[in-house]
């Protein structure tokens, strides 16, 4: 096993941000009481698609092993465990104790903490992944803090990968589930501002427009910023099937051609056409520190 970055500093160092508000209680209760994030990426078609696509992109953009990677808001360590298996040295940080316990049980060095005040020294890592903080920080100032902190702990030339949720995802998802009439006010609020306090689907969640995501990454000095459709147009196939069958076995007529294979191929074809990025429910933005 590769050497790991220490994930348990004794003090908060140069990343300390005075006056940062606590992590929202809705997030902690969502992931502790309502939702088991450790199962999401393997128990649903959409989760499997997201995992496979992210790992494909990380394989393309991460520096060569053995490099040091910060998995910021890394949840129970699904992506961190995969990066370790590829030979990377990974340190995970997450605000949810349940996730820290799950990550440690999977063999991932993990520490509880906040993306807005990272406990690591400047220029510690060769790459960083933010696969959760950007859509659980609803205030622009908080997202800017998290991005600046991620840039701070990157070495010059280091790579930052960020996942965000498409602002149109709620509209399309509600239409597919035939719940748009019941959720109309929530959907319209998200389309107008990126956030609705009445959104019961995901706690304390922000939804990005494509230009907004690019602007936020460019605004913290990242260069060579690109935004990709992580789940692609085919992701909506997995959303529809997950919603309709709710974990039950798919009928034979749908498994003659594996829908996950179809969704993956659709996403990979769409990668060749930048104008199709907005057709994805999830965005993946990648940039470099100068």
Protein backbone atom coordinates (compact mmCIF):
# COMPACT_ATOMS: atom_id res chain seq x y z
CA UNK A 1 0.00 0.00 0.00
CA UNK A 2 1.27 3.46 -0.83
CA UNK A 3 2.39 5.92 1.84
CA UNK A 4 -0.50 8.11 2.98
CA UNK A 5 -0.67 11.78 3.83
CA UNK A 6 -1.26 12.34 7.52
CA UNK A 7 -4.90 13.28 7.99
CA UNK A 8 -4.82 14.19 11.68
CA UNK A 9 -3.07 17.53 12.30
CA UNK A 10 -2.83 18.79 15.87
CA UNK A 11 -3.89 22.34 15.01
CA UNK A 12 -5.65 24.30 12.29
CA UNK A 13 -2.80 25.97 10.44
CA UNK A 14 -2.68 28.71 7.82
CA UNK A 15 -6.08 27.75 6.43
CA UNK A 16 -7.94 28.89 9.52
CA UNK A 17 -10.87 31.10 8.56
CA UNK A 18 -12.22 33.11 11.52
CA UNK A 19 -15.96 33.61 11.59
CA UNK A 20 -16.87 30.69 9.32
CA UNK A 21 -20.37 29.49 10.18
CA UNK A 22 -20.90 25.87 11.30
CA UNK A 23 -21.83 23.18 8.82
CA UNK A 24 -25.61 23.27 8.30
CA UNK A 25 -27.46 20.91 10.62
CA UNK A 26 -29.67 19.75 7.73
CA UNK A 27 -26.58 18.32 6.01
CA UNK A 28 -25.46 16.42 9.09
CA UNK A 29 -28.93 14.96 9.73
CA UNK A 30 -29.45 14.13 6.03
CA UNK A 31 -26.32 12.00 5.84
CA UNK A 32 -26.62 10.58 9.35
CA UNK A 33 -30.34 9.77 9.59
CA UNK A 34 -31.89 9.82 6.10
CA UNK A 35 -29.30 8.73 3.58
CA UNK A 36 -26.46 6.21 3.46
CA UNK A 37 -23.98 7.76 1.05
CA UNK A 38 -21.79 4.65 1.15
CA UNK A 39 -24.46 2.75 -0.83
CA UNK A 40 -25.49 5.42 -3.34
CA UNK A 41 -22.63 4.97 -5.80
CA UNK A 42 -23.11 1.21 -6.06
CA UNK A 43 -26.81 0.54 -5.44
CA UNK A 44 -28.37 2.75 -8.15
CA UNK A 45 -27.84 3.02 -11.88
CA UNK A 46 -27.22 6.77 -11.59
CA UNK A 47 -24.71 6.24 -8.79
CA UNK A 48 -22.83 3.62 -10.77
CA UNK A 49 -22.76 5.92 -13.79
CA UNK A 50 -21.46 8.85 -11.72
CA UNK A 51 -18.76 6.70 -10.13
CA UNK A 52 -17.57 5.18 -13.40
CA UNK A 53 -17.49 8.52 -15.18
CA UNK A 54 -15.65 10.32 -12.39
CA UNK A 55 -13.03 7.59 -12.21
CA UNK A 56 -12.57 7.81 -15.98
CA UNK A 57 -11.95 11.55 -15.72
CA UNK A 58 -9.66 11.24 -12.72
CA UNK A 59 -7.60 8.65 -14.58
CA UNK A 60 -7.18 11.19 -17.40
CA UNK A 61 -6.41 14.29 -15.31
CA UNK A 62 -4.71 13.26 -12.07
CA UNK A 63 -0.91 13.52 -12.04
CA UNK A 64 1.14 10.35 -12.18
CA UNK A 65 1.37 8.14 -9.11
CA UNK A 66 2.50 8.32 -6.40
CA UNK A 67 0.94 11.76 -6.05
CA UNK A 68 -0.82 13.24 -3.03
CA UNK A 69 -4.55 13.87 -3.36
CA UNK A 70 -6.92 15.70 -0.99
CA UNK A 71 -10.47 14.31 -1.11
CA UNK A 72 -12.36 17.29 0.33
CA UNK A 73 -15.91 16.44 1.36
CA UNK A 74 -15.04 12.88 0.39
CA UNK A 75 -17.93 11.21 2.20
CA UNK A 76 -17.44 7.55 3.08
CA UNK A 77 -14.35 7.24 0.88
CA UNK A 78 -15.60 5.51 -2.28
CA UNK A 79 -13.50 7.69 -4.58
CA UNK A 80 -10.59 7.86 -2.13
CA UNK A 81 -10.44 4.07 -1.91
CA UNK A 82 -10.36 3.86 -5.71
CA UNK A 83 -7.54 6.43 -5.89
CA UNK A 84 -5.57 4.51 -3.28
CA UNK A 85 -5.97 1.34 -5.34
CA UNK A 86 -4.46 3.21 -8.29
CA UNK A 87 -1.41 4.06 -6.18
CA UNK A 88 -2.25 7.57 -4.94
CA UNK A 89 -1.65 8.84 -1.41
CA UNK A 90 -5.02 10.18 -0.25
CA UNK A 91 -6.21 12.23 2.71
CA UNK A 92 -9.97 12.58 3.15
CA UNK A 93 -11.86 15.33 4.98
CA UNK A 94 -15.61 15.42 5.63
CA UNK A 95 -17.93 17.15 8.13
CA UNK A 96 -20.03 14.04 8.88
CA UNK A 97 -18.71 11.69 11.58
CA UNK A 98 -20.54 8.73 10.04
CA UNK A 99 -18.60 9.26 6.81
CA UNK A 100 -15.30 9.49 8.65
CA UNK A 101 -16.00 6.19 10.40
CA UNK A 102 -16.95 4.53 7.09
CA UNK A 103 -13.88 5.88 5.32
CA UNK A 104 -11.55 4.68 8.05
CA UNK A 105 -13.21 1.26 7.98
CA UNK A 106 -12.40 1.17 4.24
CA UNK A 107 -8.74 1.91 4.97
CA UNK A 108 -8.78 5.60 4.02
CA UNK A 109 -7.00 8.17 6.25
CA UNK A 110 -9.78 10.57 7.22
CA UNK A 111 -10.40 13.56 9.46
CA UNK A 112 -13.56 15.44 10.31
CA UNK A 113 -13.46 19.01 9.10
CA UNK A 114 -14.82 21.82 6.94
CA UNK A 115 -13.94 22.53 3.29
CA UNK A 116 -13.81 26.24 4.13
CA UNK A 117 -10.94 25.84 6.61
CA UNK A 118 -8.70 22.97 5.66
CA UNK A 119 -6.29 21.64 8.31
CA UNK A 120 -3.35 21.24 5.93
CA UNK A 121 -0.30 23.39 5.17
CA UNK A 122 0.07 25.38 1.98
CA UNK A 123 1.12 23.48 -1.15
CA UNK A 124 0.71 20.02 0.37
CA UNK A 125 -1.10 18.18 -2.44
CA UNK A 126 -0.63 17.47 -6.14
CA UNK A 127 -4.40 17.28 -6.74
CA UNK A 128 -7.68 17.83 -4.93
CA UNK A 129 -11.23 16.58 -5.43
CA UNK A 130 -14.34 18.44 -4.25
CA UNK A 131 -17.16 16.01 -4.97
CA UNK A 132 -19.65 17.46 -2.48
CA UNK A 133 -18.83 20.87 -0.97
CA UNK A 134 -19.78 22.99 -3.98
CA UNK A 135 -23.41 21.86 -3.93
CA UNK A 136 -23.82 21.90 -0.16
CA UNK A 137 -22.47 25.46 0.26
CA UNK A 138 -25.42 27.61 -0.78
CA UNK A 139 -23.72 30.99 -0.23
CA UNK A 140 -21.31 32.24 -2.90
CA UNK A 141 -18.91 33.50 -0.22
CA UNK A 142 -18.71 30.02 1.30
CA UNK A 143 -18.06 28.37 -2.07
CA UNK A 144 -15.33 30.92 -2.74
CA UNK A 145 -13.74 30.10 0.61
CA UNK A 146 -13.78 26.38 -0.16
CA UNK A 147 -12.25 26.90 -3.59
CA UNK A 148 -9.57 29.21 -2.22
CA UNK A 149 -8.71 26.71 0.48
CA UNK A 150 -8.44 23.92 -2.09
CA UNK A 151 -6.16 26.09 -4.23
CA UNK A 152 -4.08 27.02 -1.18
CA UNK A 153 -3.22 23.42 -0.34
CA UNK A 154 -2.37 22.58 -3.97
CA UNK A 155 1.19 22.72 -5.21
CA UNK A 156 1.86 24.94 -8.24
CA UNK A 157 0.55 23.07 -11.26
CA UNK A 158 -1.78 21.01 -9.06
CA UNK A 159 -5.13 19.85 -10.42
CA UNK A 160 -8.53 20.62 -8.86
CA UNK A 161 -11.64 18.64 -9.84
CA UNK A 162 -15.07 19.89 -8.71
CA UNK A 163 -18.54 18.35 -9.04
CA UNK A 164 -21.60 20.62 -9.24
CA UNK A 165 -25.28 19.98 -9.92
CA UNK A 166 -26.86 21.44 -13.06
CA UNK A 167 -29.47 24.09 -12.21
CA UNK A 168 -31.86 22.52 -14.73
CA UNK A 169 -31.60 19.05 -13.10
CA UNK A 170 -34.59 19.58 -10.81
CA UNK A 171 -36.83 20.68 -13.67
CA UNK A 172 -35.96 17.70 -15.87
CA UNK A 173 -36.01 15.23 -12.99
CA UNK A 174 -39.42 16.40 -11.82
CA UNK A 175 -40.78 16.10 -15.35
CA UNK A 176 -39.42 12.54 -15.69
CA UNK A 177 -40.92 11.57 -12.33
CA UNK A 178 -44.20 13.30 -13.22
CA UNK A 179 -44.00 15.37 -10.03
CA UNK A 180 -43.52 18.78 -11.64
CA UNK A 181 -47.02 20.02 -10.79
CA UNK A 182 -46.51 19.13 -7.10
CA UNK A 183 -42.98 20.60 -6.93
CA UNK A 184 -43.45 23.57 -9.25
CA UNK A 185 -42.61 26.30 -6.73
CA UNK A 186 -39.46 24.47 -5.60
CA UNK A 187 -38.32 23.92 -9.17
CA UNK A 188 -38.94 27.54 -10.15
CA UNK A 189 -37.08 28.79 -7.08
CA UNK A 190 -34.06 26.69 -7.97
CA UNK A 191 -34.12 27.85 -11.59
CA UNK A 192 -34.21 31.51 -10.48
CA UNK A 193 -31.64 31.49 -7.70
CA UNK A 194 -29.99 28.06 -7.54
CA UNK A 195 -31.55 27.28 -4.15
CA UNK A 196 -34.90 26.53 -2.53
CA UNK A 197 -35.24 26.15 1.22
CA UNK A 198 -38.28 23.96 0.61
CA UNK A 199 -36.33 21.40 -1.43
CA UNK A 200 -36.89 18.12 0.40
CA UNK A 201 -34.91 15.97 -2.04
CA UNK A 202 -31.44 17.03 -0.89
CA UNK A 203 -30.62 19.03 2.20
CA UNK A 204 -29.15 22.53 1.87
CA UNK A 205 -28.31 22.10 -1.81
CA UNK A 206 -27.18 24.62 -4.41
CA UNK A 207 -27.53 24.18 -8.18
CA UNK A 208 -25.12 25.84 -10.63
CA UNK A 209 -25.55 27.27 -14.07
CA UNK A 210 -22.72 26.42 -16.42
CA UNK A 211 -21.38 30.02 -16.74
CA UNK A 212 -21.59 30.47 -12.97
CA UNK A 213 -19.47 27.39 -12.30
CA UNK A 214 -16.80 28.52 -14.76
CA UNK A 215 -16.79 32.00 -13.23
CA UNK A 216 -16.36 30.67 -9.70
CA UNK A 217 -13.34 28.56 -10.65
CA UNK A 218 -11.75 31.30 -12.73
CA UNK A 219 -12.35 33.71 -9.85
CA UNK A 220 -9.91 31.92 -7.54
CA UNK A 221 -7.08 32.00 -10.05
CA UNK A 222 -7.41 28.54 -11.59
CA UNK A 223 -6.22 28.23 -15.18
CA UNK A 224 -7.16 25.93 -18.06
CA UNK A 225 -10.65 25.51 -16.59
CA UNK A 226 -12.85 23.06 -18.47
CA UNK A 227 -16.39 21.92 -17.62
CA UNK A 228 -17.65 18.49 -18.64
CA UNK A 229 -21.02 16.76 -18.53
CA UNK A 230 -20.27 14.15 -15.90
CA UNK A 231 -23.33 11.95 -16.33
CA UNK A 232 -24.14 13.18 -19.83
CA UNK A 233 -27.51 12.99 -21.61
CA UNK A 234 -27.64 9.25 -20.91
CA UNK A 235 -27.76 9.99 -17.20
CA UNK A 236 -31.45 10.77 -17.54
CA UNK A 237 -32.06 7.16 -18.56
CA UNK A 238 -30.61 6.02 -15.22
CA UNK A 239 -32.61 8.64 -13.31
CA UNK A 240 -35.85 7.50 -14.92
CA UNK A 241 -35.19 3.79 -14.33
CA UNK A 242 -34.08 4.33 -10.72
CA UNK A 243 -37.21 6.38 -10.01
CA UNK A 244 -39.58 3.91 -11.65
CA UNK A 245 -38.19 0.62 -10.35
CA UNK A 246 -36.84 1.91 -6.98
CA UNK A 247 -34.14 -0.74 -6.62
CA UNK A 248 -36.22 -3.69 -7.79
CA UNK A 249 -34.96 -5.93 -10.56
CA UNK A 250 -35.32 -4.50 -14.06
CA UNK A 251 -37.52 -6.45 -16.49
CA UNK A 252 -35.79 -8.63 -19.07
CA UNK A 253 -36.82 -6.30 -21.89
CA UNK A 254 -34.61 -3.61 -20.34
CA UNK A 255 -31.64 -5.82 -19.50
CA UNK A 256 -31.14 -7.32 -22.96
CA UNK A 257 -29.02 -4.22 -23.46
CA UNK A 258 -27.55 -3.08 -20.14
CA UNK A 259 -28.94 0.45 -19.49
CA UNK A 260 -25.76 1.41 -17.62
CA UNK A 261 -23.71 0.52 -20.70
CA UNK A 262 -26.09 2.59 -22.82
CA UNK A 263 -25.80 5.58 -20.46
CA UNK A 264 -22.00 5.34 -20.40
CA UNK A 265 -21.76 5.18 -24.19
CA UNK A 266 -24.15 8.12 -24.52
CA UNK A 267 -22.07 10.21 -22.11
CA UNK A 268 -18.83 9.36 -23.93
CA UNK A 269 -20.31 10.27 -27.31
CA UNK A 270 -21.57 13.57 -25.86
CA UNK A 271 -18.04 14.35 -24.60
CA UNK A 272 -17.11 15.10 -28.21
CA UNK A 273 -19.71 17.87 -28.41
CA UNK A 274 -19.23 20.69 -25.85
CA UNK A 275 -22.68 22.10 -26.64
CA UNK A 276 -24.14 18.99 -24.95
CA UNK A 277 -22.58 19.69 -21.54
CA UNK A 278 -25.80 21.39 -20.27
CA UNK A 279 -27.71 18.16 -21.03
CA UNK A 280 -25.98 16.50 -18.04
CA UNK A 281 -27.45 16.55 -14.53
CA UNK A 282 -23.96 16.81 -13.04
CA UNK A 283 -21.04 18.98 -14.08
CA UNK A 284 -17.37 18.18 -13.56
CA UNK A 285 -15.09 21.24 -13.63
CA UNK A 286 -11.33 20.80 -13.81
CA UNK A 287 -8.68 23.50 -13.43
CA UNK A 288 -5.03 23.95 -12.51
CA UNK A 289 -3.22 26.14 -10.01
CA UNK A 290 -0.63 28.40 -11.57
